[in-house]
Amino acid sequence: MPDMDNLGEKFKKFQNMHFAGGGGKWIVLAVVLLWLASGIYIVEPDEVGVVQRFGAFERITTAGPHYHLPFPIESVQTPKVTEIRRMEIGFRSSASGIMDSSSVRSIPEESLMLTGDENIVNVQFIVQYQIKDPVDFLFNLTQQSDTVKNAAEAAMREVIGKNTIDSVLTTDKLEIQQSAMTLLQETLDRYVAGIRIIAVQLQDVYPPDEVVDAFKDVASAREDKSRFINEADAYRNDVMPKARGRAAAIINEAQAYKQSKILKSQGDASRFTAILGEYQKAKDITKKRLYLETMEEILSNPDVEKTILPEQTASRTLPFLPLTESGRAKARAKTGEAGK
């Protein structure tokens, strides 16, 4: 705190000074007025005014013109509370903000991180944040940007350390961003930093240059695996419906064949049952009818070779060998059956 008695004595000495032309009092008055006017300040719409009295927090002022006691009694800071601030970790881009290979400079000491399966990976990401509480932001942190940077880097390293290299490079980037954002916010809240994390965005994740070729081979093998799986799925989707259709057709044919045989067997059984009843009533007539029906079936069948002899000479007929081609074939067939 300034020594007010000392300031008063210096002011009296300055007031008693004599200036050429007798204008000393007017000069003193002008200086005092300027000093008093230095307390006028304007807070912009995207700002808040944080007034300090002798270095300690005094009050918050909103957008518009305001007045505070001149320095060194009071002072004001006007942080932009609606501005979304951006921090690059693992790389630095050009001032234009264009993200291309020629304008981005890698920072290995920030980007190199260790995965859960003990692989090294380069992780470049952006943190976007906003002032949530201007008093906490100004008075609880001495180096706000460094605090955010260090906390963000630590949070990302912890999250990367819980994931494998494959998940970091390919499948789990969204989950990694969300986990890092949550962990970073929790850390800053413990610091009572007055900061709200808006987003954590991975810009680029890639293996070190020394092992890029090996990772390319792994990625190529993974793509081949996916392609083979897709081809196998396509073949299965093409073959399986056809096989199911053929199986259904075979089953239907078998069912139909089974049903026809059952019906035929039932019909034959019914016919034999009916014949049995007739046979029991008139055995001689039934035998004669069956004989005639059988002979009719044989004689009417063109595929059966027949030899008809008179009844008088049938008893004196000797067996003879068939001389026709069809007769020889049938004779061979009968000989083969006899051999079995």
Protein backbone atom coordinates (compact mmCIF):
# COMPACT_ATOMS: atom_id res chain seq x y z
CA MET A 1 0.00 0.00 0.00
CA PRO A 2 1.44 3.46 -0.91
CA ASP A 3 2.51 5.79 1.94
CA MET A 4 -0.29 8.41 1.81
CA ASP A 5 1.50 10.82 4.17
CA ASN A 6 4.56 10.75 1.92
CA LEU A 7 2.38 11.36 -1.15
CA GLY A 8 0.71 14.33 0.59
CA GLU A 9 4.04 15.93 1.43
CA LYS A 10 5.26 15.55 -2.14
CA PHE A 11 2.03 17.08 -3.42
CA LYS A 12 2.41 20.11 -1.09
CA LYS A 13 6.00 20.64 -2.24
CA PHE A 14 4.86 20.44 -5.85
CA GLN A 15 2.01 22.89 -5.09
CA ASN A 16 4.41 25.43 -3.56
CA MET A 17 6.70 25.47 -6.59
CA HIS A 18 6.85 28.70 -8.60
CA PHE A 19 6.69 28.52 -12.34
CA ALA A 20 7.64 31.17 -14.84
CA GLY A 21 4.76 33.42 -15.77
CA GLY A 22 2.77 32.55 -12.63
CA GLY A 23 0.92 29.60 -14.23
CA GLY A 24 2.03 26.95 -11.77
CA LYS A 25 -1.35 26.54 -10.08
CA TRP A 26 -3.07 26.04 -13.43
CA ILE A 27 -0.58 23.37 -14.38
CA VAL A 28 -1.12 21.61 -11.06
CA LEU A 29 -4.87 21.83 -11.54
CA ALA A 30 -4.58 20.38 -15.06
CA VAL A 31 -2.43 17.51 -13.80
CA VAL A 32 -4.94 16.76 -11.04
CA LEU A 33 -7.83 16.81 -13.50
CA LEU A 34 -5.98 14.49 -15.87
CA TRP A 35 -5.21 12.17 -12.98
CA LEU A 36 -8.86 12.09 -11.95
CA ALA A 37 -9.95 11.57 -15.56
CA SER A 38 -7.65 8.55 -15.88
CA GLY A 39 -10.23 6.58 -13.92
CA ILE A 40 -12.72 6.69 -16.78
CA TYR A 41 -12.88 3.43 -18.73
CA ILE A 42 -15.22 1.65 -21.16
CA VAL A 43 -16.09 -2.03 -21.06
CA GLU A 44 -16.81 -3.53 -24.50
CA PRO A 45 -19.79 -5.89 -25.06
CA ASP A 46 -17.54 -8.97 -25.12
CA GLU A 47 -15.71 -7.94 -21.94
CA VAL A 48 -16.25 -7.51 -18.21
CA GLY A 49 -14.43 -5.04 -15.99
CA VAL A 50 -12.59 -6.42 -12.97
CA VAL A 51 -11.78 -3.53 -10.64
CA GLN A 52 -8.96 -3.89 -8.11
CA ARG A 53 -8.35 -1.61 -5.14
CA PHE A 54 -4.78 -1.60 -3.98
CA GLY A 55 -4.33 -4.91 -5.89
CA ALA A 56 -7.25 -6.74 -4.29
CA PHE A 57 -10.48 -7.61 -6.10
CA GLU A 58 -13.16 -4.96 -5.56
CA ARG A 59 -16.04 -5.40 -8.05
CA ILE A 60 -17.22 -6.55 -11.49
CA THR A 61 -18.55 -4.08 -14.05
CA THR A 62 -20.50 -4.87 -17.21
CA ALA A 63 -20.44 -3.37 -20.71
CA GLY A 64 -20.53 0.42 -20.94
CA PRO A 65 -18.68 3.48 -19.53
CA HIS A 66 -17.51 3.30 -15.92
CA TYR A 67 -15.25 5.06 -13.47
CA HIS A 68 -12.73 3.81 -10.93
CA LEU A 69 -10.52 5.74 -8.58
CA PRO A 70 -7.28 6.71 -10.35
CA PHE A 71 -4.07 4.76 -10.03
CA PRO A 72 -2.59 3.77 -7.65
CA ILE A 73 -5.81 3.49 -5.65
CA GLU A 74 -7.78 1.42 -8.14
CA SER A 75 -7.09 -0.27 -11.46
CA VAL A 76 -9.17 -2.30 -13.91
CA GLN A 77 -8.66 -5.29 -16.18
CA THR A 78 -11.09 -6.10 -18.99
CA PRO A 79 -10.76 -9.76 -20.07
CA LYS A 80 -12.79 -10.90 -23.09
CA VAL A 81 -15.20 -13.43 -21.58
CA THR A 82 -17.05 -14.35 -24.79
CA GLU A 83 -13.93 -14.97 -26.86
CA ILE A 84 -13.15 -18.60 -27.67
CA ARG A 85 -9.40 -18.98 -27.30
CA ARG A 86 -7.38 -21.52 -29.25
CA MET A 87 -4.25 -23.36 -28.16
CA GLU A 88 -2.16 -25.64 -30.38
CA ILE A 89 -0.34 -28.54 -28.72
CA GLY A 90 2.18 -30.70 -30.54
CA PHE A 91 2.48 -28.26 -33.44
CA ARG A 92 2.41 -24.58 -34.35
CA SER A 93 0.67 -23.21 -37.42
CA SER A 94 1.37 -19.99 -39.28
CA ALA A 95 -0.20 -16.73 -38.21
CA SER A 96 -2.70 -17.00 -41.07
CA GLY A 97 -4.20 -20.11 -39.48
CA ILE A 98 -3.99 -22.14 -42.71
CA MET A 99 -3.41 -25.82 -41.88
CA ASP A 100 -1.13 -27.37 -44.50
CA SER A 101 2.18 -29.21 -44.43
CA SER A 102 4.16 -26.11 -45.39
CA SER A 103 2.71 -23.90 -42.65
CA VAL A 104 2.68 -26.37 -39.74
CA ARG A 105 5.73 -26.93 -37.56
CA SER A 106 5.81 -30.03 -35.40
CA ILE A 107 6.84 -29.80 -31.72
CA PRO A 108 8.09 -33.33 -30.87
CA GLU A 109 8.56 -32.64 -27.16
CA GLU A 110 4.81 -31.99 -26.96
CA SER A 111 3.47 -34.45 -29.55
CA LEU A 112 5.37 -37.68 -28.82
CA MET A 113 3.24 -39.87 -26.53
CA LEU A 114 3.27 -43.50 -25.37
CA THR A 115 0.26 -45.75 -26.01
CA GLY A 116 -1.04 -48.47 -23.73
CA ASP A 117 0.69 -51.18 -25.78
CA GLU A 118 4.04 -49.34 -25.53
CA ASN A 119 4.12 -47.77 -28.98
CA ILE A 120 5.16 -44.18 -29.66
CA VAL A 121 2.78 -41.96 -31.59
CA ASN A 122 2.71 -38.29 -32.62
CA VAL A 123 -0.44 -36.57 -31.38
CA GLN A 124 -1.22 -33.02 -32.50
CA PHE A 125 -4.39 -31.45 -31.15
CA ILE A 126 -6.16 -28.16 -30.49
CA VAL A 127 -7.81 -26.97 -27.27
CA GLN A 128 -10.56 -24.35 -27.42
CA TYR A 129 -11.52 -22.69 -24.17
CA GLN A 130 -13.37 -19.70 -22.75
CA ILE A 131 -13.27 -17.65 -19.55
CA LYS A 132 -15.98 -18.95 -17.24
CA ASP A 133 -15.23 -16.84 -14.15
CA PRO A 134 -13.04 -13.75 -14.76
CA VAL A 135 -12.14 -13.35 -11.08
CA ASP A 136 -10.86 -16.93 -10.76
CA PHE A 137 -9.16 -16.62 -14.15
CA LEU A 138 -7.24 -13.47 -13.16
CA PHE A 139 -6.46 -14.14 -9.50
CA ASN A 140 -6.09 -17.94 -9.16
CA LEU A 141 -3.71 -18.39 -12.09
CA THR A 142 -0.54 -16.46 -12.76
CA GLN A 143 0.16 -17.87 -16.24
CA GLN A 144 -3.18 -18.88 -17.66
CA SER A 145 -2.00 -20.06 -21.10
CA ASP A 146 0.80 -22.20 -19.68
CA THR A 147 -1.59 -23.74 -17.17
CA VAL A 148 -4.06 -24.72 -19.89
CA LYS A 149 -1.28 -26.07 -22.10
CA ASN A 150 0.33 -28.18 -19.39
CA ALA A 151 -2.99 -29.53 -18.14
CA ALA A 152 -4.16 -30.36 -21.68
CA GLU A 153 -0.92 -32.14 -22.53
CA ALA A 154 -1.08 -34.18 -19.31
CA ALA A 155 -4.73 -35.12 -19.92
CA MET A 156 -4.04 -36.25 -23.49
CA ARG A 157 -1.00 -38.29 -22.42
CA GLU A 158 -3.11 -40.07 -19.80
CA VAL A 159 -5.87 -40.89 -22.29
CA ILE A 160 -3.43 -42.04 -24.99
CA GLY A 161 -1.72 -44.24 -22.41
CA LYS A 162 -4.99 -46.13 -21.89
CA ASN A 163 -5.46 -46.97 -25.60
CA THR A 164 -3.67 -49.21 -28.08
CA ILE A 165 -1.85 -47.88 -31.13
CA ASP A 166 -4.54 -49.25 -33.47
CA SER A 167 -7.39 -47.55 -31.63
CA VAL A 168 -5.46 -44.26 -31.47
CA LEU A 169 -4.70 -44.28 -35.21
CA THR A 170 -8.06 -45.55 -36.45
CA THR A 171 -11.19 -46.34 -34.50
CA ASP A 172 -11.33 -44.43 -31.19
CA LYS A 173 -10.44 -40.83 -32.07
CA LEU A 174 -13.83 -39.42 -31.03
CA GLU A 175 -13.72 -41.26 -27.70
CA ILE A 176 -10.16 -40.02 -27.11
CA GLN A 177 -11.18 -36.40 -27.76
CA GLN A 178 -14.14 -36.65 -25.38
CA SER A 179 -12.14 -38.37 -22.63
CA ALA A 180 -9.32 -35.82 -22.86
CA MET A 181 -11.80 -32.93 -22.76
CA THR A 182 -13.53 -34.34 -19.65
CA LEU A 183 -10.24 -34.98 -17.86
CA LEU A 184 -8.89 -31.51 -18.74
CA GLN A 185 -12.04 -29.80 -17.44
CA GLU A 186 -11.84 -31.76 -14.17
CA THR A 187 -8.20 -30.72 -13.74
CA LEU A 188 -8.90 -27.01 -14.32
CA ASP A 189 -11.89 -27.14 -11.98
CA ARG A 190 -9.59 -28.48 -9.25
CA TYR A 191 -7.34 -25.48 -9.87
CA VAL A 192 -10.41 -23.18 -9.65
CA ALA A 193 -9.10 -21.71 -12.89
CA GLY A 194 -12.36 -20.11 -14.06
CA ILE A 195 -11.98 -21.74 -17.50
CA ARG A 196 -14.55 -23.65 -19.55
CA ILE A 197 -13.21 -26.14 -22.13
CA ILE A 198 -15.18 -25.86 -25.37
CA ALA A 199 -13.51 -28.61 -27.40
CA VAL A 200 -10.47 -30.85 -27.72
CA GLN A 201 -9.84 -31.70 -31.38
CA LEU A 202 -7.25 -34.13 -32.72
CA GLN A 203 -5.59 -32.54 -35.74
CA ASP A 204 -3.20 -35.30 -36.75
CA VAL A 205 -2.19 -38.64 -35.26
CA TYR A 206 0.62 -40.58 -36.91
CA PRO A 207 3.53 -42.87 -36.01
CA PRO A 208 7.12 -41.58 -35.91
CA ASP A 209 8.91 -41.33 -39.27
CA GLU A 210 11.24 -44.22 -38.38
CA VAL A 211 8.36 -46.74 -38.30
CA VAL A 212 5.99 -45.27 -40.89
CA ASP A 213 6.78 -48.03 -43.43
CA ALA A 214 6.02 -50.75 -40.91
CA PHE A 215 2.71 -49.13 -40.02
CA LYS A 216 1.87 -48.81 -43.71
CA ASP A 217 2.43 -52.55 -44.10
CA VAL A 218 0.17 -53.21 -41.13
CA ALA A 219 -2.49 -50.89 -42.55
CA SER A 220 -2.22 -52.59 -45.95
CA ALA A 221 -2.61 -56.01 -44.33
CA ARG A 222 -5.63 -54.75 -42.42
CA GLU A 223 -7.18 -53.46 -45.65
CA ASP A 224 -6.52 -56.82 -47.33
CA LYS A 225 -8.17 -58.56 -44.40
CA SER A 226 -11.23 -56.34 -44.70
CA ARG A 227 -11.36 -56.92 -48.45
CA PHE A 228 -11.15 -60.71 -48.06
CA ILE A 229 -13.85 -60.64 -45.41
CA ASN A 230 -16.10 -58.57 -47.67
CA GLU A 231 -15.49 -60.91 -50.60
CA ALA A 232 -16.24 -63.94 -48.43
CA ASP A 233 -19.42 -62.30 -47.16
CA ALA A 234 -20.48 -61.53 -50.72
CA TYR A 235 -19.81 -65.13 -51.80
CA ARG A 236 -21.72 -66.44 -48.80
CA ASN A 237 -24.65 -64.12 -49.50
CA ASP A 238 -24.70 -65.38 -53.09
CA VAL A 239 -24.26 -69.11 -52.40
CA MET A 240 -26.31 -69.56 -49.25
CA PRO A 241 -29.70 -68.55 -50.75
CA LYS A 242 -29.08 -70.85 -53.73
CA ALA A 243 -28.09 -73.72 -51.45
CA ARG A 244 -31.13 -73.13 -49.26
CA GLY A 245 -33.32 -73.11 -52.38
CA ARG A 246 -31.84 -76.38 -53.64
CA ALA A 247 -32.17 -77.95 -50.21
CA ALA A 248 -35.80 -76.86 -49.99
CA ALA A 249 -36.48 -78.28 -53.48
CA ILE A 250 -34.86 -81.62 -52.58
CA ILE A 251 -36.83 -81.78 -49.34
CA ASN A 252 -40.07 -81.01 -51.18
CA GLU A 253 -39.33 -83.67 -53.81
CA ALA A 254 -38.52 -86.19 -51.09
CA GLN A 255 -41.72 -85.34 -49.25
CA ALA A 256 -43.72 -85.71 -52.46
CA TYR A 257 -42.02 -89.04 -53.26
CA LYS A 258 -42.64 -90.22 -49.72
CA GLN A 259 -46.30 -89.23 -49.92
CA SER A 260 -46.76 -90.92 -53.29
CA LYS A 261 -45.19 -94.15 -52.01
CA ILE A 262 -47.34 -94.06 -48.90
CA LEU A 263 -50.48 -93.52 -50.98
CA LYS A 264 -49.47 -96.27 -53.43
CA SER A 265 -48.72 -98.67 -50.58
CA GLN A 266 -52.02 -97.85 -48.96
CA GLY A 267 -53.77 -98.43 -52.30
CA ASP A 268 -51.99 -101.75 -52.84
CA ALA A 269 -52.80 -102.83 -49.31
CA SER A 270 -56.44 -101.90 -49.82
CA ARG A 271 -56.53 -103.79 -53.11
CA PHE A 272 -54.92 -106.89 -51.60
CA THR A 273 -57.34 -106.71 -48.69
CA ALA A 274 -60.25 -106.54 -51.10
CA ILE A 275 -58.84 -109.46 -53.15
CA LEU A 276 -58.34 -111.47 -49.97
CA GLY A 277 -61.99 -111.03 -49.12
CA GLU A 278 -63.06 -112.14 -52.58
CA TYR A 279 -60.57 -115.01 -52.50
CA GLN A 280 -61.99 -116.30 -49.25
CA LYS A 281 -65.48 -116.22 -50.74
CA ALA A 282 -64.58 -117.99 -54.03
CA LYS A 283 -61.03 -119.30 -54.17
CA ASP A 284 -61.17 -120.97 -57.61
CA ILE A 285 -62.80 -118.03 -59.32
CA THR A 286 -60.39 -115.59 -57.70
CA LYS A 287 -57.34 -117.67 -58.73
CA LYS A 288 -58.63 -117.83 -62.27
CA ARG A 289 -59.25 -114.08 -62.37
CA LEU A 290 -55.80 -113.29 -61.01
CA TYR A 291 -54.22 -115.66 -63.54
CA LEU A 292 -56.09 -114.06 -66.41
CA GLU A 293 -55.24 -110.53 -65.24
CA THR A 294 -51.56 -111.47 -64.97
CA MET A 295 -51.48 -113.08 -68.39
CA GLU A 296 -53.25 -110.07 -69.84
CA GLU A 297 -50.61 -107.78 -68.34
CA ILE A 298 -47.76 -109.94 -69.69
CA LEU A 299 -49.19 -110.41 -73.15
CA SER A 300 -50.04 -106.72 -73.52
CA ASN A 301 -46.53 -105.59 -72.52
CA PRO A 302 -44.47 -105.00 -75.69
CA ASP A 303 -41.20 -105.06 -73.72
CA VAL A 304 -41.64 -108.71 -72.76
CA GLU A 305 -40.43 -111.20 -75.39
CA LYS A 306 -42.97 -113.99 -75.71
CA THR A 307 -42.88 -117.45 -77.36
CA ILE A 308 -46.30 -119.06 -77.91
CA LEU A 309 -46.48 -122.86 -78.47
CA PRO A 310 -49.43 -125.13 -79.11
CA GLU A 311 -50.58 -126.96 -76.04
CA GLN A 312 -50.07 -130.36 -77.69
CA THR A 313 -46.33 -129.78 -78.36
CA ALA A 314 -45.46 -127.81 -75.24
CA SER A 315 -44.60 -130.94 -73.26
CA ARG A 316 -42.16 -132.14 -75.93
CA THR A 317 -40.34 -128.79 -76.34
CA LEU A 318 -36.64 -128.75 -75.45
CA PRO A 319 -34.89 -125.66 -73.98
CA PHE A 320 -33.13 -123.56 -76.61
CA LEU A 321 -30.60 -120.77 -76.62
CA PRO A 322 -31.84 -117.34 -77.76
CA LEU A 323 -30.25 -116.37 -81.04
CA THR A 324 -31.46 -112.78 -81.28
CA GLU A 325 -29.38 -109.94 -79.80
CA SER A 326 -32.06 -109.07 -77.26
CA GLY A 327 -32.33 -112.73 -76.30
CA ARG A 328 -28.58 -113.06 -75.76
CA ALA A 329 -28.56 -109.91 -73.62
CA LYS A 330 -31.36 -111.24 -71.44
CA ALA A 331 -29.63 -114.61 -71.20
CA ARG A 332 -26.42 -112.93 -70.04
CA ALA A 333 -28.38 -110.94 -67.49
CA LYS A 334 -30.01 -114.08 -66.13
CA THR A 335 -26.63 -115.85 -66.03
CA GLY A 336 -25.15 -112.94 -64.07
CA GLU A 337 -28.01 -112.95 -61.58
CA ALA A 338 -27.58 -116.71 -61.13
CA GLY A 339 -23.86 -116.22 -60.46
CA LYS A 340 -24.66 -113.78 -57.68
